[in-house]
Amino acid sequence: MRKSARLSALDVHEAEAVIDAAVARRSAVATVLTCSLQTPRPRFGGRSPVQAIEAGEAELVALSVESALEGHPD
């Protein structure tokens, strides 16, 4: 193995820390998204986005998400 290809213990520790941080961020995003999808919204007649989708209004939810991504939240 070439010297440049070896990882020092510090490099391994730093890589593990980066991976752990990425996993934590992913978990936090998933939690926020799950809560958001289950929160009732006036835009959906007091239903959550999940309930609106289940009621056949997936297009309305998609348009709402698109609007939020463009900077126009509910």
N, C-alpha and C. Protein backbone atom coordinates (compact mmCIF):
# COMPACT_ATOMS: atom_id res chain seq x y z
N MET A 1 0.84 -1.17 0.00
CA MET A 1 0.00 0.00 0.00
C MET A 1 0.89 1.24 0.00
N ARG A 2 0.56 2.20 -0.84
CA ARG A 2 1.34 3.43 -0.89
C ARG A 2 1.09 4.25 0.37
N LYS A 3 2.08 5.02 0.76
CA LYS A 3 1.96 5.85 1.95
C LYS A 3 0.78 6.81 1.83
N SER A 4 0.57 7.40 0.66
CA SER A 4 -0.50 8.37 0.50
C SER A 4 -1.88 7.73 0.58
N ALA A 5 -1.97 6.43 0.40
CA ALA A 5 -3.25 5.73 0.43
C ALA A 5 -3.64 5.30 1.84
N ARG A 6 -2.72 5.39 2.77
CA ARG A 6 -3.00 4.97 4.14
C ARG A 6 -3.76 6.07 4.88
N LEU A 7 -4.66 5.64 5.73
CA LEU A 7 -5.39 6.59 6.56
C LEU A 7 -4.81 6.56 7.97
N SER A 8 -4.54 7.71 8.50
CA SER A 8 -4.09 7.76 9.89
C SER A 8 -5.30 7.59 10.80
N ALA A 9 -5.05 7.35 12.05
CA ALA A 9 -6.15 7.21 13.01
C ALA A 9 -6.97 8.49 13.07
N LEU A 10 -6.33 9.63 12.94
CA LEU A 10 -7.04 10.91 12.95
C LEU A 10 -7.94 11.03 11.73
N ASP A 11 -7.44 10.63 10.56
CA ASP A 11 -8.25 10.68 9.34
C ASP A 11 -9.49 9.80 9.48
N VAL A 12 -9.31 8.61 10.05
CA VAL A 12 -10.43 7.70 10.24
C VAL A 12 -11.43 8.31 11.22
N HIS A 13 -10.93 8.90 12.30
CA HIS A 13 -11.80 9.54 13.29
C HIS A 13 -12.59 10.69 12.65
N GLU A 14 -11.92 11.50 11.85
CA GLU A 14 -12.60 12.61 11.16
C GLU A 14 -13.65 12.09 10.19
N ALA A 15 -13.34 11.05 9.47
CA ALA A 15 -14.31 10.47 8.53
C ALA A 15 -15.52 9.92 9.28
N GLU A 16 -15.28 9.26 10.39
CA GLU A 16 -16.40 8.74 11.19
C GLU A 16 -17.27 9.88 11.72
N ALA A 17 -16.64 10.98 12.13
CA ALA A 17 -17.38 12.13 12.64
C ALA A 17 -18.25 12.74 11.54
N VAL A 18 -17.72 12.83 10.33
CA VAL A 18 -18.49 13.37 9.21
C VAL A 18 -19.68 12.46 8.90
N ILE A 19 -19.45 11.17 8.90
CA ILE A 19 -20.53 10.21 8.64
C ILE A 19 -21.60 10.31 9.73
N ASP A 20 -21.17 10.36 10.99
CA ASP A 20 -22.13 10.47 12.09
C ASP A 20 -22.96 11.74 11.98
N ALA A 21 -22.34 12.85 11.61
CA ALA A 21 -23.06 14.11 11.46
C ALA A 21 -24.07 14.03 10.32
N ALA A 22 -23.68 13.39 9.22
CA ALA A 22 -24.59 13.25 8.08
C ALA A 22 -25.79 12.38 8.46
N VAL A 23 -25.56 11.32 9.20
CA VAL A 23 -26.65 10.45 9.63
C VAL A 23 -27.59 11.21 10.57
N ALA A 24 -27.03 12.00 11.47
CA ALA A 24 -27.86 12.78 12.39
C ALA A 24 -28.70 13.80 11.64
N ARG A 25 -28.11 14.47 10.64
CA ARG A 25 -28.87 15.44 9.84
C ARG A 25 -29.99 14.75 9.08
N ARG A 26 -29.68 13.61 8.51
CA ARG A 26 -30.70 12.86 7.76
C ARG A 26 -31.85 12.47 8.68
N SER A 27 -31.54 12.03 9.87
CA SER A 27 -32.56 11.64 10.84
C SER A 27 -33.41 12.84 11.23
N ALA A 28 -32.78 13.99 11.45
CA ALA A 28 -33.51 15.20 11.82
C ALA A 28 -34.43 15.65 10.69
N VAL A 29 -33.94 15.59 9.47
CA VAL A 29 -34.76 15.97 8.32
C VAL A 29 -35.95 15.03 8.19
N ALA A 30 -35.73 13.75 8.37
CA ALA A 30 -36.82 12.78 8.28
C ALA A 30 -37.87 13.05 9.35
N THR A 31 -37.43 13.41 10.55
CA THR A 31 -38.37 13.71 11.64
C THR A 31 -39.20 14.94 11.31
N VAL A 32 -38.55 15.99 10.83
CA VAL A 32 -39.27 17.22 10.48
C VAL A 32 -40.25 16.96 9.35
N LEU A 33 -39.82 16.23 8.35
CA LEU A 33 -40.69 15.92 7.21
C LEU A 33 -41.89 15.10 7.65
N THR A 34 -41.66 14.10 8.49
CA THR A 34 -42.76 13.28 8.98
C THR A 34 -43.76 14.11 9.76
N CYS A 35 -43.28 14.97 10.63
CA CYS A 35 -44.18 15.85 11.40
C CYS A 35 -44.94 16.78 10.48
N SER A 36 -44.25 17.34 9.50
CA SER A 36 -44.90 18.27 8.57
C SER A 36 -46.00 17.58 7.77
N LEU A 37 -45.77 16.36 7.35
CA LEU A 37 -46.76 15.64 6.56
C LEU A 37 -47.98 15.23 7.39
N GLN A 38 -47.82 15.21 8.71
CA GLN A 38 -48.92 14.79 9.58
C GLN A 38 -49.62 15.96 10.26
N THR A 39 -49.16 17.19 10.01
CA THR A 39 -49.74 18.37 10.64
C THR A 39 -50.89 18.91 9.80
N PRO A 40 -52.07 19.07 10.41
CA PRO A 40 -53.21 19.63 9.67
C PRO A 40 -52.90 21.03 9.15
N ARG A 41 -53.37 21.33 7.96
CA ARG A 41 -53.13 22.63 7.31
C ARG A 41 -54.44 23.21 6.81
N PRO A 42 -54.63 24.52 6.99
CA PRO A 42 -55.84 25.16 6.46
C PRO A 42 -55.98 24.96 4.94
N ARG A 43 -54.84 24.95 4.25
CA ARG A 43 -54.86 24.80 2.79
C ARG A 43 -55.54 23.50 2.35
N PHE A 44 -55.48 22.50 3.22
CA PHE A 44 -56.07 21.19 2.89
C PHE A 44 -57.36 20.95 3.68
N GLY A 45 -58.04 22.03 4.00
CA GLY A 45 -59.31 21.91 4.71
C GLY A 45 -59.17 21.37 6.12
N GLY A 46 -58.06 21.71 6.77
CA GLY A 46 -57.82 21.24 8.13
C GLY A 46 -57.26 19.83 8.21
N ARG A 47 -57.00 19.24 7.07
CA ARG A 47 -56.41 17.90 7.04
C ARG A 47 -54.90 18.02 6.90
N SER A 48 -54.23 16.94 7.23
CA SER A 48 -52.78 16.89 7.01
C SER A 48 -52.53 16.60 5.53
N PRO A 49 -51.31 16.88 5.05
CA PRO A 49 -51.00 16.52 3.67
C PRO A 49 -51.22 15.03 3.38
N VAL A 50 -50.89 14.17 4.34
CA VAL A 50 -51.11 12.73 4.14
C VAL A 50 -52.59 12.44 3.97
N GLN A 51 -53.43 13.05 4.80
CA GLN A 51 -54.87 12.84 4.70
C GLN A 51 -55.40 13.37 3.36
N ALA A 52 -54.87 14.51 2.92
CA ALA A 52 -55.30 15.07 1.63
C ALA A 52 -54.93 14.13 0.48
N ILE A 53 -53.73 13.56 0.54
CA ILE A 53 -53.31 12.61 -0.49
C ILE A 53 -54.22 11.39 -0.47
N GLU A 54 -54.50 10.88 0.72
CA GLU A 54 -55.37 9.71 0.84
C GLU A 54 -56.79 10.00 0.34
N ALA A 55 -57.19 11.29 0.39
CA ALA A 55 -58.52 11.68 -0.08
C ALA A 55 -58.53 11.96 -1.58
N GLY A 56 -57.41 11.69 -2.24
CA GLY A 56 -57.36 11.87 -3.70
C GLY A 56 -56.92 13.24 -4.16
N GLU A 57 -56.32 14.02 -3.26
CA GLU A 57 -55.89 15.37 -3.61
C GLU A 57 -54.37 15.49 -3.65
N ALA A 58 -53.72 14.49 -4.21
CA ALA A 58 -52.26 14.48 -4.28
C ALA A 58 -51.73 15.65 -5.09
N GLU A 59 -52.45 16.04 -6.14
CA GLU A 59 -51.98 17.16 -6.97
C GLU A 59 -51.96 18.45 -6.16
N LEU A 60 -52.95 18.66 -5.30
CA LEU A 60 -52.99 19.85 -4.45
C LEU A 60 -51.79 19.87 -3.51
N VAL A 61 -51.46 18.73 -2.94
CA VAL A 61 -50.31 18.63 -2.05
C VAL A 61 -49.03 18.89 -2.84
N ALA A 62 -48.92 18.32 -4.02
CA ALA A 62 -47.73 18.53 -4.86
C ALA A 62 -47.55 20.00 -5.21
N LEU A 63 -48.63 20.68 -5.54
CA LEU A 63 -48.56 22.11 -5.84
C LEU A 63 -48.14 22.91 -4.62
N SER A 64 -48.61 22.51 -3.45
CA SER A 64 -48.22 23.18 -2.22
C SER A 64 -46.73 23.01 -1.94
N VAL A 65 -46.23 21.80 -2.14
CA VAL A 65 -44.80 21.54 -1.94
C VAL A 65 -43.98 22.35 -2.93
N GLU A 66 -44.40 22.36 -4.18
CA GLU A 66 -43.70 23.13 -5.21
C GLU A 66 -43.68 24.61 -4.85
N SER A 67 -44.79 25.13 -4.38
CA SER A 67 -44.87 26.53 -3.98
C SER A 67 -43.92 26.83 -2.82
N ALA A 68 -43.87 25.92 -1.84
CA ALA A 68 -42.97 26.10 -0.70
C ALA A 68 -41.52 26.08 -1.14
N LEU A 69 -41.18 25.20 -2.07
CA LEU A 69 -39.80 25.13 -2.57
C LEU A 69 -39.40 26.40 -3.32
N GLU A 70 -40.39 27.08 -3.87
CA GLU A 70 -40.13 28.34 -4.57
C GLU A 70 -40.10 29.52 -3.60
N GLY A 71 -40.30 29.24 -2.31
CA GLY A 71 -40.22 30.30 -1.32
C GLY A 71 -41.55 30.90 -0.92
N HIS A 72 -42.63 30.21 -1.21
CA HIS A 72 -43.97 30.69 -0.87
C HIS A 72 -44.65 29.67 0.04
N PRO A 73 -44.26 29.61 1.33
CA PRO A 73 -44.86 28.61 2.22
C PRO A 73 -46.33 28.90 2.51
N ASP A 74 -47.01 27.91 3.09
CA ASP A 74 -48.42 28.07 3.46
C ASP A 74 -48.62 29.29 4.33
